[in-house]
């Protein structure tokens, strides 16, 4: 049985937002797609949808106005539904410190540097199409 998967794309660059949305629409996964130009609006979407989804895949930019990706991830840690969220960072940052920082959040399953290509998104969605939802082992020691 497939999990109900929804997608939120969070990026302040309108061209990137539409580019990723177009790729997601052509993916093998059916499910609602939401877009947001900052982390605060994305969080409002999560709050409104928290009882209506099994899993949400978030494509998250780091550097945005209003609420950046790091603040989004910090706020997510306080939510009871945080384990339903899986995040792929999609950023122009090539700073190794940003990639290392993203590894501190259990919801982050990937880190992509822009520009990104459709094949990468296809591979991510194929994981979900095969019913694979990536989670940390509950028994592992942090």
N, C-alpha and C. Protein backbone atom coordinates (compact mmCIF):
# COMPACT_ATOMS: atom_id res chain seq x y z
N UNK A 1 0.85 -1.18 0.00
CA UNK A 1 0.00 0.00 0.00
C UNK A 1 0.89 1.24 0.00
N UNK A 2 0.66 2.12 -0.94
CA UNK A 2 1.45 3.34 -1.01
C UNK A 2 0.99 4.32 0.04
N UNK A 3 1.95 5.06 0.54
CA UNK A 3 1.60 6.12 1.46
C UNK A 3 1.11 7.32 0.66
N UNK A 4 0.24 8.08 1.28
CA UNK A 4 -0.21 9.31 0.66
C UNK A 4 0.93 10.31 0.74
N UNK A 5 1.43 10.71 -0.41
CA UNK A 5 2.57 11.61 -0.47
C UNK A 5 2.15 12.95 -1.06
N UNK A 6 2.52 14.00 -0.36
CA UNK A 6 2.32 15.35 -0.87
C UNK A 6 3.70 16.00 -0.98
N UNK A 7 3.78 17.02 -1.79
CA UNK A 7 5.05 17.70 -2.01
C UNK A 7 4.87 19.19 -1.76
N UNK A 8 5.87 19.77 -1.08
CA UNK A 8 5.94 21.22 -0.94
C UNK A 8 7.29 21.66 -1.50
N UNK A 9 7.24 22.61 -2.39
CA UNK A 9 8.46 23.18 -2.97
C UNK A 9 8.61 24.58 -2.38
N UNK A 10 9.76 24.84 -1.75
CA UNK A 10 9.96 26.10 -1.05
C UNK A 10 11.21 26.78 -1.62
N UNK A 11 10.99 27.87 -2.33
CA UNK A 11 12.11 28.61 -2.93
C UNK A 11 11.64 30.02 -3.24
N UNK A 12 12.48 31.01 -2.94
CA UNK A 12 12.11 32.39 -3.21
C UNK A 12 12.35 32.80 -4.66
N UNK A 13 13.06 31.98 -5.41
CA UNK A 13 13.29 32.25 -6.83
C UNK A 13 12.12 31.65 -7.62
N UNK A 14 11.31 32.52 -8.20
CA UNK A 14 10.08 32.09 -8.89
C UNK A 14 10.40 31.13 -10.04
N UNK A 15 11.48 31.39 -10.78
CA UNK A 15 11.83 30.51 -11.89
C UNK A 15 12.18 29.11 -11.39
N UNK A 16 12.95 29.04 -10.32
CA UNK A 16 13.30 27.74 -9.74
C UNK A 16 12.05 27.04 -9.22
N UNK A 17 11.18 27.79 -8.57
CA UNK A 17 9.94 27.24 -8.03
C UNK A 17 9.11 26.58 -9.14
N UNK A 18 8.95 27.28 -10.24
CA UNK A 18 8.15 26.74 -11.36
C UNK A 18 8.87 25.59 -12.06
N UNK A 19 10.19 25.67 -12.15
CA UNK A 19 10.98 24.61 -12.77
C UNK A 19 10.81 23.30 -11.99
N UNK A 20 11.00 23.38 -10.68
CA UNK A 20 10.86 22.18 -9.86
C UNK A 20 9.43 21.67 -9.88
N UNK A 21 8.46 22.57 -9.84
CA UNK A 21 7.06 22.15 -9.88
C UNK A 21 6.75 21.41 -11.17
N UNK A 22 7.28 21.89 -12.28
CA UNK A 22 7.05 21.22 -13.57
C UNK A 22 7.62 19.81 -13.55
N UNK A 23 8.81 19.67 -12.98
CA UNK A 23 9.43 18.34 -12.89
C UNK A 23 8.60 17.42 -12.00
N UNK A 24 8.17 17.94 -10.86
CA UNK A 24 7.38 17.14 -9.92
C UNK A 24 6.07 16.69 -10.56
N UNK A 25 5.44 17.59 -11.32
CA UNK A 25 4.17 17.23 -11.98
C UNK A 25 4.32 16.07 -12.95
N UNK A 26 5.50 15.93 -13.55
CA UNK A 26 5.71 14.85 -14.51
C UNK A 26 6.28 13.59 -13.86
N UNK A 27 6.42 13.61 -12.53
CA UNK A 27 6.97 12.45 -11.83
C UNK A 27 5.92 11.34 -11.77
N UNK A 28 6.35 10.14 -11.41
CA UNK A 28 5.40 9.01 -11.34
C UNK A 28 4.50 9.03 -10.11
N UNK A 29 4.71 9.95 -9.22
CA UNK A 29 3.90 10.00 -8.00
C UNK A 29 2.73 10.96 -8.19
N UNK A 30 1.56 10.48 -7.85
CA UNK A 30 0.39 11.35 -7.86
C UNK A 30 0.17 11.87 -6.45
N UNK A 31 -0.10 13.12 -6.36
CA UNK A 31 -0.37 13.71 -5.05
C UNK A 31 -0.32 15.22 -5.18
N UNK A 32 -0.89 15.88 -4.21
CA UNK A 32 -0.91 17.34 -4.25
C UNK A 32 0.50 17.95 -4.23
N UNK A 33 0.65 19.04 -4.93
CA UNK A 33 1.90 19.79 -4.96
C UNK A 33 1.59 21.20 -4.48
N UNK A 34 2.33 21.62 -3.47
CA UNK A 34 2.16 22.97 -2.93
C UNK A 34 3.46 23.73 -3.17
N UNK A 35 3.35 25.03 -3.35
CA UNK A 35 4.54 25.85 -3.50
C UNK A 35 4.51 27.00 -2.51
N UNK A 36 5.71 27.45 -2.15
CA UNK A 36 5.84 28.55 -1.21
C UNK A 36 7.12 29.32 -1.51
N UNK A 37 7.07 30.63 -1.32
CA UNK A 37 8.24 31.46 -1.59
C UNK A 37 9.10 31.69 -0.35
N UNK A 38 8.71 31.14 0.80
CA UNK A 38 9.53 31.23 2.00
C UNK A 38 9.10 30.17 3.01
N UNK A 39 9.93 29.98 4.01
CA UNK A 39 9.66 28.95 5.02
C UNK A 39 8.41 29.20 5.84
N UNK A 40 8.09 30.46 6.10
CA UNK A 40 6.91 30.78 6.90
C UNK A 40 5.63 30.33 6.20
N UNK A 41 5.52 30.64 4.92
CA UNK A 41 4.33 30.21 4.16
C UNK A 41 4.28 28.69 4.05
N UNK A 42 5.45 28.07 3.89
CA UNK A 42 5.49 26.60 3.82
C UNK A 42 5.01 25.99 5.13
N UNK A 43 5.37 26.61 6.24
CA UNK A 43 4.92 26.10 7.53
C UNK A 43 3.41 26.24 7.68
N UNK A 44 2.84 27.29 7.15
CA UNK A 44 1.39 27.44 7.19
C UNK A 44 0.73 26.31 6.41
N UNK A 45 1.33 25.92 5.29
CA UNK A 45 0.80 24.79 4.53
C UNK A 45 0.87 23.52 5.37
N UNK A 46 2.02 23.27 6.01
CA UNK A 46 2.15 22.09 6.86
C UNK A 46 1.11 22.07 7.98
N UNK A 47 0.94 23.20 8.64
CA UNK A 47 -0.02 23.28 9.73
C UNK A 47 -1.44 22.99 9.26
N UNK A 48 -1.78 23.47 8.07
CA UNK A 48 -3.12 23.25 7.52
C UNK A 48 -3.32 21.81 7.04
N UNK A 49 -2.23 21.13 6.67
CA UNK A 49 -2.33 19.80 6.08
C UNK A 49 -1.91 18.68 7.04
N UNK A 50 -1.47 19.01 8.25
CA UNK A 50 -0.84 18.03 9.14
C UNK A 50 -1.68 16.79 9.42
N UNK A 51 -2.97 16.91 9.37
CA UNK A 51 -3.83 15.76 9.63
C UNK A 51 -4.29 15.05 8.37
N UNK A 52 -3.88 15.57 7.22
CA UNK A 52 -4.38 15.05 5.95
C UNK A 52 -3.34 14.32 5.11
N UNK A 53 -2.17 14.04 5.68
CA UNK A 53 -1.14 13.39 4.89
C UNK A 53 -0.43 12.32 5.70
N UNK A 54 0.17 11.37 4.97
CA UNK A 54 1.03 10.37 5.60
C UNK A 54 2.48 10.84 5.56
N UNK A 55 2.88 11.39 4.42
CA UNK A 55 4.24 11.87 4.23
C UNK A 55 4.21 13.12 3.36
N UNK A 56 5.04 14.09 3.73
CA UNK A 56 5.24 15.25 2.86
C UNK A 56 6.72 15.32 2.53
N UNK A 57 7.00 15.42 1.26
CA UNK A 57 8.35 15.62 0.78
C UNK A 57 8.52 17.11 0.52
N UNK A 58 9.51 17.72 1.17
CA UNK A 58 9.74 19.15 1.05
C UNK A 58 11.05 19.38 0.31
N UNK A 59 10.99 20.09 -0.80
CA UNK A 59 12.19 20.56 -1.48
C UNK A 59 12.44 21.96 -0.94
N UNK A 60 13.52 22.15 -0.18
CA UNK A 60 13.71 23.35 0.62
C UNK A 60 14.98 24.10 0.26
N UNK A 61 14.82 25.35 -0.12
CA UNK A 61 15.94 26.25 -0.33
C UNK A 61 16.45 26.71 1.03
N UNK A 62 17.70 27.16 1.09
CA UNK A 62 18.25 27.64 2.36
C UNK A 62 18.04 29.14 2.52
N UNK A 63 18.52 29.91 1.55
CA UNK A 63 18.52 31.36 1.68
C UNK A 63 17.26 31.97 1.08
N UNK A 64 16.36 32.39 1.97
CA UNK A 64 15.09 32.99 1.56
C UNK A 64 14.74 34.11 2.53
N UNK A 65 13.94 35.07 2.08
CA UNK A 65 13.47 36.11 2.99
C UNK A 65 12.37 35.56 3.92
N UNK A 66 12.02 36.32 4.88
CA UNK A 66 10.96 36.04 5.86
C UNK A 66 11.37 34.89 6.80
N UNK A 67 11.51 33.68 6.28
CA UNK A 67 12.00 32.54 7.07
C UNK A 67 12.87 31.70 6.15
N UNK A 68 14.13 31.54 6.51
CA UNK A 68 15.04 30.74 5.69
C UNK A 68 14.87 29.24 5.97
N UNK A 69 15.59 28.44 5.22
CA UNK A 69 15.47 27.00 5.37
C UNK A 69 15.90 26.48 6.73
N UNK A 70 16.93 27.11 7.32
CA UNK A 70 17.39 26.67 8.65
C UNK A 70 16.33 26.92 9.71
N UNK A 71 15.71 28.09 9.65
CA UNK A 71 14.65 28.40 10.62
C UNK A 71 13.47 27.46 10.45
N UNK A 72 13.16 27.10 9.21
CA UNK A 72 12.10 26.14 8.92
C UNK A 72 12.41 24.81 9.60
N UNK A 73 13.65 24.34 9.43
CA UNK A 73 14.04 23.05 10.01
C UNK A 73 14.03 23.10 11.54
N UNK A 74 14.46 24.21 12.11
CA UNK A 74 14.43 24.35 13.57
C UNK A 74 13.00 24.31 14.10
N UNK A 75 12.10 25.03 13.46
CA UNK A 75 10.71 25.04 13.89
C UNK A 75 10.08 23.65 13.73
N UNK A 76 10.46 22.96 12.67
CA UNK A 76 9.94 21.61 12.43
C UNK A 76 10.27 20.67 13.58
N UNK A 77 11.43 20.85 14.21
CA UNK A 77 11.84 19.96 15.30
C UNK A 77 10.87 20.00 16.47
N UNK A 78 10.11 21.08 16.59
CA UNK A 78 9.17 21.25 17.71
C UNK A 78 7.80 20.61 17.44
N UNK A 79 7.58 20.14 16.23
CA UNK A 79 6.25 19.66 15.84
C UNK A 79 6.11 18.16 16.05
N UNK A 80 4.93 17.76 16.50
CA UNK A 80 4.67 16.34 16.74
C UNK A 80 4.64 15.53 15.44
N UNK A 81 4.38 16.17 14.33
CA UNK A 81 4.29 15.48 13.04
C UNK A 81 5.61 15.49 12.28
N UNK A 82 6.70 15.89 12.91
CA UNK A 82 7.99 16.05 12.23
C UNK A 82 8.47 14.77 11.55
N UNK A 83 8.08 13.60 12.07
CA UNK A 83 8.53 12.35 11.46
C UNK A 83 7.81 12.02 10.16
N UNK A 84 6.76 12.76 9.85
CA UNK A 84 6.06 12.58 8.58
C UNK A 84 6.68 13.41 7.45
N UNK A 85 7.67 14.23 7.80
CA UNK A 85 8.25 15.17 6.84
C UNK A 85 9.62 14.67 6.42
N UNK A 86 9.86 14.67 5.12
CA UNK A 86 11.18 14.37 4.58
C UNK A 86 11.61 15.55 3.72
N UNK A 87 12.85 15.98 3.91
CA UNK A 87 13.33 17.21 3.29
C UNK A 87 14.52 16.92 2.38
N UNK A 88 14.46 17.50 1.20
CA UNK A 88 15.61 17.53 0.31
C UNK A 88 15.99 18.99 0.16
N UNK A 89 17.20 19.32 0.60
CA UNK A 89 17.68 20.69 0.47
C UNK A 89 18.02 20.92 -1.01
N UNK A 90 17.54 22.01 -1.57
CA UNK A 90 17.85 22.38 -2.95
C UNK A 90 18.36 23.81 -2.89
N UNK A 91 19.67 23.98 -3.05
CA UNK A 91 20.27 25.27 -2.75
C UNK A 91 21.40 25.63 -3.70
N UNK A 92 21.68 26.90 -3.77
CA UNK A 92 22.83 27.37 -4.55
C UNK A 92 24.09 27.38 -3.70
N UNK A 93 23.97 27.07 -2.42
CA UNK A 93 25.11 27.07 -1.52
C UNK A 93 26.04 25.89 -1.82
N UNK A 94 27.30 26.20 -2.03
CA UNK A 94 28.31 25.16 -2.22
C UNK A 94 29.19 25.05 -0.98
N UNK A 95 28.80 25.71 0.08
CA UNK A 95 29.56 25.72 1.33
C UNK A 95 29.44 24.37 2.02
N UNK A 96 30.57 23.67 2.22
CA UNK A 96 30.51 22.36 2.90
C UNK A 96 29.88 22.44 4.30
N UNK A 97 29.99 23.60 4.94
CA UNK A 97 29.39 23.76 6.28
C UNK A 97 27.87 23.66 6.21
N UNK A 98 27.26 24.16 5.13
CA UNK A 98 25.81 24.06 4.97
C UNK A 98 25.39 22.60 4.81
N UNK A 99 26.14 21.86 4.01
CA UNK A 99 25.81 20.45 3.83
C UNK A 99 25.95 19.70 5.15
N UNK A 100 27.03 19.97 5.88
CA UNK A 100 27.24 19.33 7.17
C UNK A 100 26.12 19.70 8.14
N UNK A 101 25.72 20.96 8.14
CA UNK A 101 24.65 21.41 9.02
C UNK A 101 23.34 20.69 8.71
N UNK A 102 23.07 20.47 7.42
CA UNK A 102 21.82 19.80 7.04
C UNK A 102 21.75 18.38 7.59
N UNK A 103 22.90 17.76 7.77
CA UNK A 103 22.94 16.39 8.30
C UNK A 103 22.52 16.30 9.76
N UNK A 104 22.42 17.43 10.44
CA UNK A 104 22.02 17.44 11.85
C UNK A 104 20.52 17.28 12.02
N UNK A 105 19.78 17.40 10.93
CA UNK A 105 18.32 17.30 10.99
C UNK A 105 17.88 15.94 10.46
N UNK A 106 17.21 15.14 11.27
CA UNK A 106 16.83 13.80 10.84
C UNK A 106 15.87 13.77 9.66
N UNK A 107 15.15 14.85 9.41
CA UNK A 107 14.21 14.88 8.29
C UNK A 107 14.90 15.10 6.95
N UNK A 108 16.14 15.58 6.96
CA UNK A 108 16.85 15.86 5.71
C UNK A 108 17.40 14.56 5.13
N UNK A 109 16.91 14.22 3.95
CA UNK A 109 17.33 12.97 3.29
C UNK A 109 18.23 13.23 2.10
N UNK A 110 18.42 14.50 1.74
CA UNK A 110 19.27 14.80 0.60
C UNK A 110 19.64 16.27 0.54
N UNK A 111 20.73 16.55 -0.18
CA UNK A 111 21.23 17.91 -0.34
C UNK A 111 21.64 18.07 -1.80
N UNK A 112 20.91 18.90 -2.53
CA UNK A 112 21.18 19.12 -3.95
C UNK A 112 21.65 20.54 -4.18
N UNK A 113 22.73 20.68 -4.95
CA UNK A 113 23.21 22.00 -5.31
C UNK A 113 22.62 22.39 -6.66
N UNK A 114 22.14 23.64 -6.75
CA UNK A 114 21.62 24.15 -8.01
C UNK A 114 22.77 24.40 -8.96
N UNK A 115 22.57 24.22 -10.26
CA UNK A 115 21.32 23.82 -10.88
C UNK A 115 21.08 22.32 -10.71
N UNK A 116 19.83 21.95 -10.63
CA UNK A 116 19.46 20.54 -10.52
C UNK A 116 18.80 20.11 -11.82
N UNK A 117 18.89 18.83 -12.10
CA UNK A 117 18.39 18.30 -13.36
C UNK A 117 17.23 17.35 -13.11
N UNK A 118 16.33 17.24 -14.07
CA UNK A 118 15.13 16.40 -13.88
C UNK A 118 15.42 14.97 -13.46
N UNK A 119 16.52 14.39 -13.92
CA UNK A 119 16.83 13.00 -13.58
C UNK A 119 16.99 12.82 -12.07
N UNK A 120 17.52 13.83 -11.40
CA UNK A 120 17.71 13.74 -9.95
C UNK A 120 16.36 13.63 -9.24
N UNK A 121 15.41 14.44 -9.67
CA UNK A 121 14.08 14.40 -9.07
C UNK A 121 13.38 13.08 -9.38
N UNK A 122 13.60 12.57 -10.58
CA UNK A 122 13.02 11.29 -10.95
C UNK A 122 13.52 10.19 -10.02
N UNK A 123 14.82 10.20 -9.72
CA UNK A 123 15.38 9.20 -8.82
C UNK A 123 14.78 9.33 -7.41
N UNK A 124 14.61 10.55 -6.94
CA UNK A 124 14.00 10.76 -5.62
C UNK A 124 12.59 10.21 -5.60
N UNK A 125 11.81 10.53 -6.61
CA UNK A 125 10.43 10.08 -6.65
C UNK A 125 10.33 8.58 -6.88
N UNK A 126 11.30 7.99 -7.54
CA UNK A 126 11.28 6.54 -7.72
C UNK A 126 11.39 5.83 -6.38
N UNK A 127 12.10 6.42 -5.43
CA UNK A 127 12.16 5.84 -4.08
C UNK A 127 10.76 5.76 -3.48
N UNK A 128 10.00 6.82 -3.63
CA UNK A 128 8.65 6.84 -3.09
C UNK A 128 7.71 5.95 -3.90
N UNK A 129 7.94 5.87 -5.20
CA UNK A 129 7.11 5.03 -6.05
C UNK A 129 7.28 3.56 -5.68
N UNK A 130 8.43 3.21 -5.17
CA UNK A 130 8.69 1.83 -4.76
C UNK A 130 8.33 1.62 -3.30
N UNK A 131 7.64 2.61 -2.74
CA UNK A 131 7.18 2.50 -1.35
C UNK A 131 8.31 2.60 -0.34
N UNK A 132 9.39 3.21 -0.75
CA UNK A 132 10.50 3.38 0.17
C UNK A 132 10.40 4.77 0.77
N UNK A 133 10.23 4.83 2.05
CA UNK A 133 10.25 6.10 2.75
C UNK A 133 11.47 6.06 3.65
N UNK A 134 12.34 7.00 3.48
CA UNK A 134 13.62 6.99 4.18
C UNK A 134 13.43 7.55 5.58
N UNK A 135 13.82 6.75 6.57
CA UNK A 135 13.74 7.21 7.95
C UNK A 135 15.00 6.77 8.68
N UNK A 136 15.29 7.45 9.76
CA UNK A 136 16.37 7.00 10.61
C UNK A 136 15.88 5.82 11.43
N UNK A 137 16.77 4.93 11.72
CA UNK A 137 16.46 3.78 12.54
C UNK A 137 16.08 4.26 13.93
N UNK A 138 14.90 3.91 14.39
CA UNK A 138 14.42 4.33 15.70
C UNK A 138 15.34 3.83 16.83
N UNK A 139 16.02 2.71 16.59
CA UNK A 139 16.87 2.12 17.62
C UNK A 139 18.29 2.68 17.60
N UNK A 140 18.61 3.51 16.60
CA UNK A 140 19.98 4.03 16.52
C UNK A 140 20.21 5.08 17.59
N UNK A 141 21.44 5.19 17.98
CA UNK A 141 21.83 6.17 18.99
C UNK A 141 22.33 7.41 18.26
N UNK A 142 21.81 8.58 18.61
CA UNK A 142 22.23 9.82 17.96
C UNK A 142 23.56 10.28 18.45
